[in-house]
Amino acid sequence: MSNLIQKLKSKIDALLFWQTPIGEILNKIYDLRLFYKYSFKKEKFKSKNSHKAYLTKQYHIIEKGMALPNPRLGFGVAKIETLIKLSKSYLAQFPEDELTLAIKSCLKEYILFNKTNNVDITTPFYKNIENFIHGTDYSKNTGGVRNVSKLDLAKKTNIDYASFAKSRFSIRDFDKSDLKISQIIKAVDIAKHAPSVCNRQSWKANIYTEKKQILNLLKIQGGNNGFTESINKLIIVTTDTKSFTIMESNQVYIDGGIFSMSLILALHSLEIGACCLNTCFPFTKEKKVKSIGEIPENERLIMMIGIGNLKDNYKVAISSKKKIEEIIKIS
């Protein structure tokens, strides 16, 4: 009995330690250590993922430029020259893929945009672009810009979104039936259209289906007491630090949070019950989650989402919201 009491005391002491300023500082040090270990610096890549993130960042700048109300003719010369140079470096190491095809598609449209506006495209700069994109199959236009009709958009958004959004609650009482993986994948496919910094899409949705593994992960999370056994599947949302660069350590969590909310709403649209479970725990627990969940060190935990099929009738917390006057500030 004395050994049990001692172990319990040690756990309580450890928990209290992580709630002290020193514990908070150690967590921040771990956070920054991982960020600087895996994030990339300009034109210096530690991995394929970092190289892809940089190229995505660069070509998206060109896309954004062409999407402006009045794009400046011949804009982005230095950025495009760097994009081509580093794209060639990427292709020297890896085969042609969707990213490089999107880059070439974007550059093709860039030339067309300038040509249409009577820019001289016989200069060495434009010849360099043409040489780079020559021989590419453009049957799929995956980079550049496209026109959107306001009328067409109105048809697609003709829903009562206010009622939809306000009908979402965290579910802690799921049906016992098995949730189909195909439905979860469908929700992720919807959620991936969430915005991200320079379209880098750094997020991952780790889906767990084995009950024992789910229970072990939920035990570490610790905030699911009373409905643990009810959870049918578990998603852990993470973001890849290899996709970020200097001054973007906070963006790891911003992008991950945006995707998480997009996923929650996508699950709701498919009538899948979901409960957000925070990952606000010490890095020692994060390491355990990564070990059990087979998550690489370079990925940071954003949240766990317990999911399952809905019962015909179920109870939810009222979760009263603040008055709008407490939220908005008009300047």
Protein backbone atom coordinates (compact mmCIF):
# COMPACT_ATOMS: atom_id res chain seq x y z
CA MET A 1 0.00 0.00 0.00
CA SER A 2 2.86 2.39 0.84
CA ASN A 3 4.38 1.84 -2.63
CA LEU A 4 1.06 2.67 -4.26
CA ILE A 5 0.74 5.86 -2.20
CA GLN A 6 4.31 6.83 -3.12
CA LYS A 7 3.68 6.32 -6.84
CA LEU A 8 0.47 8.35 -6.62
CA LYS A 9 2.31 11.14 -4.80
CA SER A 10 5.03 11.15 -7.49
CA LYS A 11 2.44 11.52 -10.24
CA ILE A 12 0.75 14.39 -8.41
CA ASP A 13 4.12 16.10 -7.84
CA ALA A 14 5.00 15.70 -11.52
CA LEU A 15 1.66 17.17 -12.58
CA LEU A 16 2.07 20.14 -10.25
CA PHE A 17 5.63 20.70 -11.53
CA TRP A 18 4.40 21.16 -15.10
CA GLN A 19 1.96 23.80 -13.84
CA THR A 20 4.80 25.97 -12.50
CA PRO A 21 6.57 28.73 -14.49
CA ILE A 22 9.64 26.48 -14.79
CA GLY A 23 7.51 23.70 -16.25
CA GLU A 24 5.99 26.15 -18.73
CA ILE A 25 9.45 27.41 -19.74
CA LEU A 26 10.70 23.86 -20.31
CA ASN A 27 7.72 23.17 -22.56
CA LYS A 28 8.47 26.32 -24.58
CA ILE A 29 12.13 25.31 -24.90
CA TYR A 30 11.05 21.91 -26.23
CA ASP A 31 8.65 23.65 -28.63
CA LEU A 32 11.35 25.93 -30.04
CA ARG A 33 13.96 23.16 -30.13
CA LEU A 34 11.74 21.06 -32.40
CA PHE A 35 10.88 24.07 -34.53
CA TYR A 36 14.49 25.03 -35.19
CA LYS A 37 15.49 21.41 -35.67
CA TYR A 38 13.00 20.77 -38.47
CA SER A 39 11.97 24.16 -39.94
CA PHE A 40 13.75 25.43 -43.04
CA LYS A 41 15.73 28.56 -43.78
CA LYS A 42 15.63 30.34 -47.14
CA GLU A 43 16.91 27.96 -49.82
CA LYS A 44 18.35 25.60 -47.20
CA PHE A 45 16.32 22.42 -46.92
CA LYS A 46 16.75 19.57 -44.47
CA SER A 47 14.16 17.35 -46.11
CA LYS A 48 11.96 16.80 -49.15
CA ASN A 49 8.99 18.15 -47.18
CA SER A 50 10.79 21.43 -46.51
CA HIS A 51 11.82 21.74 -50.16
CA LYS A 52 8.20 21.18 -51.25
CA ALA A 53 6.94 23.71 -48.70
CA TYR A 54 9.32 26.38 -49.99
CA LEU A 55 8.40 25.74 -53.63
CA THR A 56 4.70 25.88 -52.75
CA LYS A 57 5.28 29.16 -50.93
CA GLN A 58 7.13 30.63 -53.92
CA TYR A 59 4.74 29.65 -56.69
CA HIS A 60 1.71 30.67 -54.61
CA ILE A 61 3.15 34.19 -54.54
CA ILE A 62 2.86 34.21 -58.35
CA GLU A 63 -0.71 32.90 -58.16
CA LYS A 64 -1.66 35.63 -55.67
CA GLY A 65 -0.04 38.27 -57.88
CA MET A 66 -2.14 37.24 -60.88
CA ALA A 67 -5.29 37.20 -58.74
CA LEU A 68 -4.95 40.90 -57.82
CA PRO A 69 -7.41 43.45 -59.29
CA ASN A 70 -4.70 45.02 -61.49
CA PRO A 71 -1.58 42.80 -61.59
CA ARG A 72 1.64 44.65 -62.40
CA LEU A 73 3.00 43.51 -65.74
CA GLY A 74 6.20 41.51 -65.48
CA PHE A 75 6.02 41.27 -61.67
CA GLY A 76 8.02 38.83 -59.58
CA VAL A 77 11.13 38.42 -61.75
CA ALA A 78 13.54 37.62 -58.90
CA LYS A 79 11.04 35.27 -57.20
CA ILE A 80 10.37 33.39 -60.44
CA GLU A 81 14.07 32.99 -61.18
CA THR A 82 14.55 31.55 -57.68
CA LEU A 83 11.47 29.33 -58.13
CA ILE A 84 12.84 27.87 -61.37
CA LYS A 85 16.32 27.34 -59.92
CA LEU A 86 15.02 25.51 -56.85
CA SER A 87 12.44 23.57 -58.88
CA LYS A 88 15.28 22.26 -61.05
CA SER A 89 17.17 21.33 -57.89
CA TYR A 90 14.08 19.48 -56.65
CA LEU A 91 13.62 17.64 -59.97
CA ALA A 92 17.26 16.59 -59.92
CA GLN A 93 16.51 14.66 -56.70
CA PHE A 94 12.88 13.62 -57.12
CA PRO A 95 10.59 12.69 -60.04
CA GLU A 96 8.01 15.02 -61.57
CA ASP A 97 4.99 15.23 -59.28
CA GLU A 98 1.79 17.23 -58.72
CA LEU A 99 3.74 20.09 -57.17
CA THR A 100 6.13 20.61 -60.09
CA LEU A 101 3.26 20.28 -62.56
CA ALA A 102 1.35 22.97 -60.63
CA ILE A 103 4.43 25.22 -60.71
CA LYS A 104 4.81 24.81 -64.47
CA SER A 105 1.08 25.33 -65.01
CA CYS A 106 1.29 28.55 -63.00
CA LEU A 107 4.31 29.79 -64.97
CA LYS A 108 2.60 28.97 -68.27
CA GLU A 109 -0.31 31.18 -67.24
CA TYR A 110 2.14 33.88 -66.13
CA ILE A 111 3.61 34.01 -69.64
CA LEU A 112 0.13 34.05 -71.20
CA PHE A 113 -0.94 36.88 -68.90
CA ASN A 114 2.04 39.04 -69.90
CA LYS A 115 1.79 38.15 -73.59
CA THR A 116 -1.91 39.08 -73.63
CA ASN A 117 -0.94 42.47 -72.19
CA ASN A 118 1.66 43.09 -74.92
CA VAL A 119 4.74 42.46 -72.79
CA ASP A 120 7.84 41.44 -74.77
CA ILE A 121 8.26 37.76 -73.92
CA THR A 122 11.33 37.24 -76.11
CA THR A 123 13.71 38.37 -73.35
CA PRO A 124 16.09 35.90 -71.61
CA PHE A 125 13.84 35.92 -68.51
CA TYR A 126 10.78 34.64 -70.39
CA LYS A 127 12.90 32.25 -72.47
CA ASN A 128 14.15 30.75 -69.23
CA ILE A 129 10.56 30.15 -68.14
CA GLU A 130 9.61 28.63 -71.50
CA ASN A 131 12.61 26.30 -71.45
CA PHE A 132 11.66 25.14 -67.96
CA ILE A 133 8.01 24.40 -68.78
CA HIS A 134 8.62 23.02 -72.28
CA GLY A 135 7.13 19.58 -72.95
CA THR A 136 4.84 19.56 -69.91
CA ASP A 137 1.39 17.97 -70.14
CA TYR A 138 -1.17 20.63 -69.20
CA SER A 139 -4.26 18.44 -69.47
CA LYS A 140 -4.84 19.33 -65.80
CA ASN A 141 -4.56 23.02 -64.97
CA THR A 142 -3.41 22.75 -61.35
CA GLY A 143 -1.61 26.06 -60.91
CA GLY A 144 -2.34 29.70 -61.68
CA VAL A 145 -5.73 31.39 -61.35
CA ARG A 146 -9.29 30.68 -62.42
CA ASN A 147 -12.45 32.73 -62.81
CA VAL A 148 -15.29 32.29 -60.32
CA SER A 149 -18.85 33.40 -61.06
CA LYS A 150 -20.66 35.18 -58.25
CA LEU A 151 -23.91 33.64 -59.54
CA ASP A 152 -22.43 30.13 -59.44
CA LEU A 153 -21.08 30.77 -55.94
CA ALA A 154 -24.52 31.89 -54.79
CA LYS A 155 -25.97 28.55 -55.89
CA LYS A 156 -23.34 26.60 -53.94
CA THR A 157 -23.73 28.67 -50.79
CA ASN A 158 -27.52 28.66 -50.77
CA ILE A 159 -27.77 27.01 -47.36
CA ASP A 160 -28.80 28.11 -43.88
CA TYR A 161 -25.23 28.17 -42.57
CA ALA A 162 -26.18 29.91 -39.34
CA SER A 163 -28.47 27.02 -38.35
CA PHE A 164 -25.87 24.48 -39.47
CA ALA A 165 -23.05 26.05 -37.45
CA LYS A 166 -25.21 26.59 -34.37
CA SER A 167 -26.40 22.95 -34.45
CA ARG A 168 -22.86 21.65 -33.86
CA PHE A 169 -22.06 20.49 -30.34
CA SER A 170 -19.36 18.36 -28.79
CA ILE A 171 -20.75 14.83 -28.52
CA ARG A 172 -19.91 12.65 -25.52
CA ASP A 173 -22.48 9.92 -26.02
CA PHE A 174 -22.00 7.99 -29.27
CA ASP A 175 -23.97 5.15 -30.82
CA LYS A 176 -22.36 1.70 -30.45
CA SER A 177 -22.35 1.01 -34.20
CA ASP A 178 -19.06 1.04 -36.13
CA LEU A 179 -18.19 4.24 -37.97
CA LYS A 180 -17.12 3.64 -41.56
CA ILE A 181 -13.58 4.70 -42.45
CA SER A 182 -14.84 5.87 -45.86
CA GLN A 183 -16.94 8.52 -44.11
CA ILE A 184 -13.95 9.80 -42.13
CA ILE A 185 -11.85 10.01 -45.30
CA LYS A 186 -14.68 11.93 -46.98
CA ALA A 187 -14.66 14.43 -44.11
CA VAL A 188 -10.88 14.91 -44.37
CA ASP A 189 -11.21 15.40 -48.13
CA ILE A 190 -13.65 18.25 -47.43
CA ALA A 191 -11.54 19.72 -44.62
CA LYS A 192 -8.36 19.90 -46.74
CA HIS A 193 -9.84 22.94 -48.51
CA ALA A 194 -9.15 25.00 -45.39
CA PRO A 195 -6.80 27.98 -45.91
CA SER A 196 -3.15 27.72 -44.85
CA VAL A 197 -0.12 29.98 -44.96
CA CYS A 198 0.96 30.20 -48.64
CA ASN A 199 -1.17 27.09 -49.33
CA ARG A 200 1.43 24.83 -47.68
CA GLN A 201 -1.21 22.50 -46.15
CA SER A 202 1.08 21.24 -43.41
CA TRP A 203 -1.61 19.29 -41.58
CA LYS A 204 -2.00 15.56 -41.02
CA ALA A 205 -5.07 13.60 -39.89
CA ASN A 206 -3.89 10.49 -38.05
CA ILE A 207 -6.87 8.12 -37.85
CA TYR A 208 -6.93 5.32 -35.27
CA THR A 209 -9.25 2.33 -35.51
CA GLU A 210 -7.84 -0.25 -33.06
CA LYS A 211 -9.63 -0.08 -29.69
CA LYS A 212 -6.58 -0.86 -27.55
CA GLN A 213 -4.46 1.80 -29.23
CA ILE A 214 -7.30 4.32 -28.96
CA LEU A 215 -7.73 3.64 -25.25
CA ASN A 216 -3.99 4.02 -24.62
CA LEU A 217 -3.93 7.37 -26.43
CA LEU A 218 -7.06 8.61 -24.65
CA LYS A 219 -5.59 7.62 -21.29
CA ILE A 220 -2.67 9.98 -21.88
CA GLN A 221 -5.03 12.77 -22.97
CA GLY A 222 -6.98 12.41 -19.74
CA GLY A 223 -9.96 14.64 -20.54
CA ASN A 224 -12.36 11.99 -21.78
CA ASN A 225 -13.40 10.36 -18.51
CA GLY A 226 -16.96 9.10 -18.51
CA PHE A 227 -17.26 8.56 -22.26
CA THR A 228 -13.95 6.94 -23.22
CA GLU A 229 -15.49 3.57 -24.11
CA SER A 230 -18.13 5.31 -26.23
CA ILE A 231 -15.55 6.71 -28.68
CA ASN A 232 -15.48 4.57 -31.82
CA LYS A 233 -12.58 6.10 -33.75
CA LEU A 234 -9.93 8.67 -32.90
CA ILE A 235 -8.30 11.37 -35.02
CA ILE A 236 -5.14 13.16 -33.96
CA VAL A 237 -4.52 16.32 -35.97
CA THR A 238 -0.88 17.30 -36.30
CA THR A 239 1.14 19.79 -38.32
CA ASP A 240 4.57 19.24 -39.86
CA THR A 241 7.22 21.72 -38.68
CA LYS A 242 9.21 20.96 -41.84
CA SER A 243 6.68 23.10 -43.71
CA PHE A 244 7.57 26.30 -41.86
CA THR A 245 10.40 28.80 -41.79
CA ILE A 246 11.76 31.68 -39.68
CA MET A 247 9.15 33.70 -37.72
CA GLU A 248 6.49 31.04 -38.31
CA SER A 249 6.60 28.98 -35.10
CA ASN A 250 3.09 30.15 -34.13
CA GLN A 251 1.80 29.38 -37.63
CA VAL A 252 2.27 25.67 -36.87
CA TYR A 253 -0.67 25.90 -34.49
CA ILE A 254 -2.69 28.47 -36.45
CA ASP A 255 -2.76 26.32 -39.59
CA GLY A 256 -3.42 23.19 -37.55
CA GLY A 257 -6.26 24.92 -35.71
CA ILE A 258 -7.88 26.16 -38.92
CA PHE A 259 -7.76 22.65 -40.41
CA SER A 260 -9.13 21.15 -37.18
CA MET A 261 -12.17 23.44 -37.24
CA SER A 262 -12.69 22.70 -40.92
CA LEU A 263 -12.58 18.98 -40.10
CA ILE A 264 -15.03 19.36 -37.21
CA LEU A 265 -17.53 21.08 -39.49
CA ALA A 266 -16.96 18.52 -42.25
CA LEU A 267 -17.69 15.70 -39.79
CA HIS A 268 -20.81 17.56 -38.66
CA SER A 269 -21.99 17.92 -42.28
CA LEU A 270 -21.78 14.12 -42.62
CA GLU A 271 -23.71 13.63 -39.35
CA ILE A 272 -20.68 12.20 -37.57
CA GLY A 273 -20.50 13.00 -33.87
CA ALA A 274 -17.25 14.55 -32.69
CA CYS A 275 -15.66 15.85 -29.50
CA CYS A 276 -12.52 18.01 -29.50
CA LEU A 277 -9.95 16.84 -26.97
CA ASN A 278 -7.11 19.23 -26.19
CA THR A 279 -3.43 18.30 -26.17
CA CYS A 280 -2.46 20.81 -23.48
CA PHE A 281 -0.03 18.58 -21.66
CA PRO A 282 3.74 18.42 -21.02
CA PHE A 283 6.11 17.43 -23.82
CA THR A 284 6.81 14.22 -21.90
CA LYS A 285 3.21 13.18 -22.60
CA GLU A 286 3.47 14.40 -26.18
CA LYS A 287 6.40 12.02 -26.67
CA LYS A 288 4.29 9.15 -25.32
CA VAL A 289 1.42 10.02 -27.68
CA LYS A 290 3.82 10.09 -30.61
CA SER A 291 5.30 6.77 -29.61
CA ILE A 292 1.96 4.99 -29.21
CA GLY A 293 0.39 6.79 -32.19
CA GLU A 294 3.44 6.30 -34.45
CA ILE A 295 3.70 10.02 -35.12
CA PRO A 296 7.10 11.43 -36.25
CA GLU A 297 8.94 13.83 -33.94
CA ASN A 298 8.71 16.68 -36.47
CA GLU A 299 4.91 16.75 -36.26
CA ARG A 300 3.30 18.82 -33.50
CA LEU A 301 0.07 17.77 -31.80
CA ILE A 302 -2.88 20.11 -32.39
CA MET A 303 -5.82 18.16 -30.98
CA MET A 304 -7.44 14.78 -30.63
CA ILE A 305 -10.97 14.32 -31.95
CA GLY A 306 -13.09 11.51 -30.57
CA ILE A 307 -15.69 10.46 -33.14
CA GLY A 308 -18.58 8.04 -33.59
CA ASN A 309 -22.04 7.61 -35.07
CA LEU A 310 -24.87 9.62 -33.57
CA LYS A 311 -27.66 8.14 -31.49
CA ASP A 312 -31.24 8.91 -32.47
CA ASN A 313 -31.38 11.12 -29.37
CA TYR A 314 -28.49 12.35 -27.22
CA LYS A 315 -27.66 15.03 -24.64
CA VAL A 316 -25.11 17.83 -25.11
CA ALA A 317 -23.81 20.59 -22.87
CA ILE A 318 -25.63 23.89 -23.41
CA SER A 319 -22.27 25.64 -23.78
CA SER A 320 -23.64 29.17 -23.51
CA LYS A 321 -21.80 31.64 -25.75
CA LYS A 322 -20.68 35.20 -25.00
CA LYS A 323 -22.80 38.14 -26.07
CA ILE A 324 -21.71 39.57 -29.42
CA GLU A 325 -20.82 42.87 -27.68
CA GLU A 326 -18.12 41.04 -25.73
CA ILE A 327 -16.51 39.74 -28.88
CA ILE A 328 -16.55 42.47 -31.50
CA LYS A 329 -14.57 45.70 -31.54
CA ILE A 330 -15.40 48.25 -34.23
CA SER A 331 -12.81 50.97 -34.86
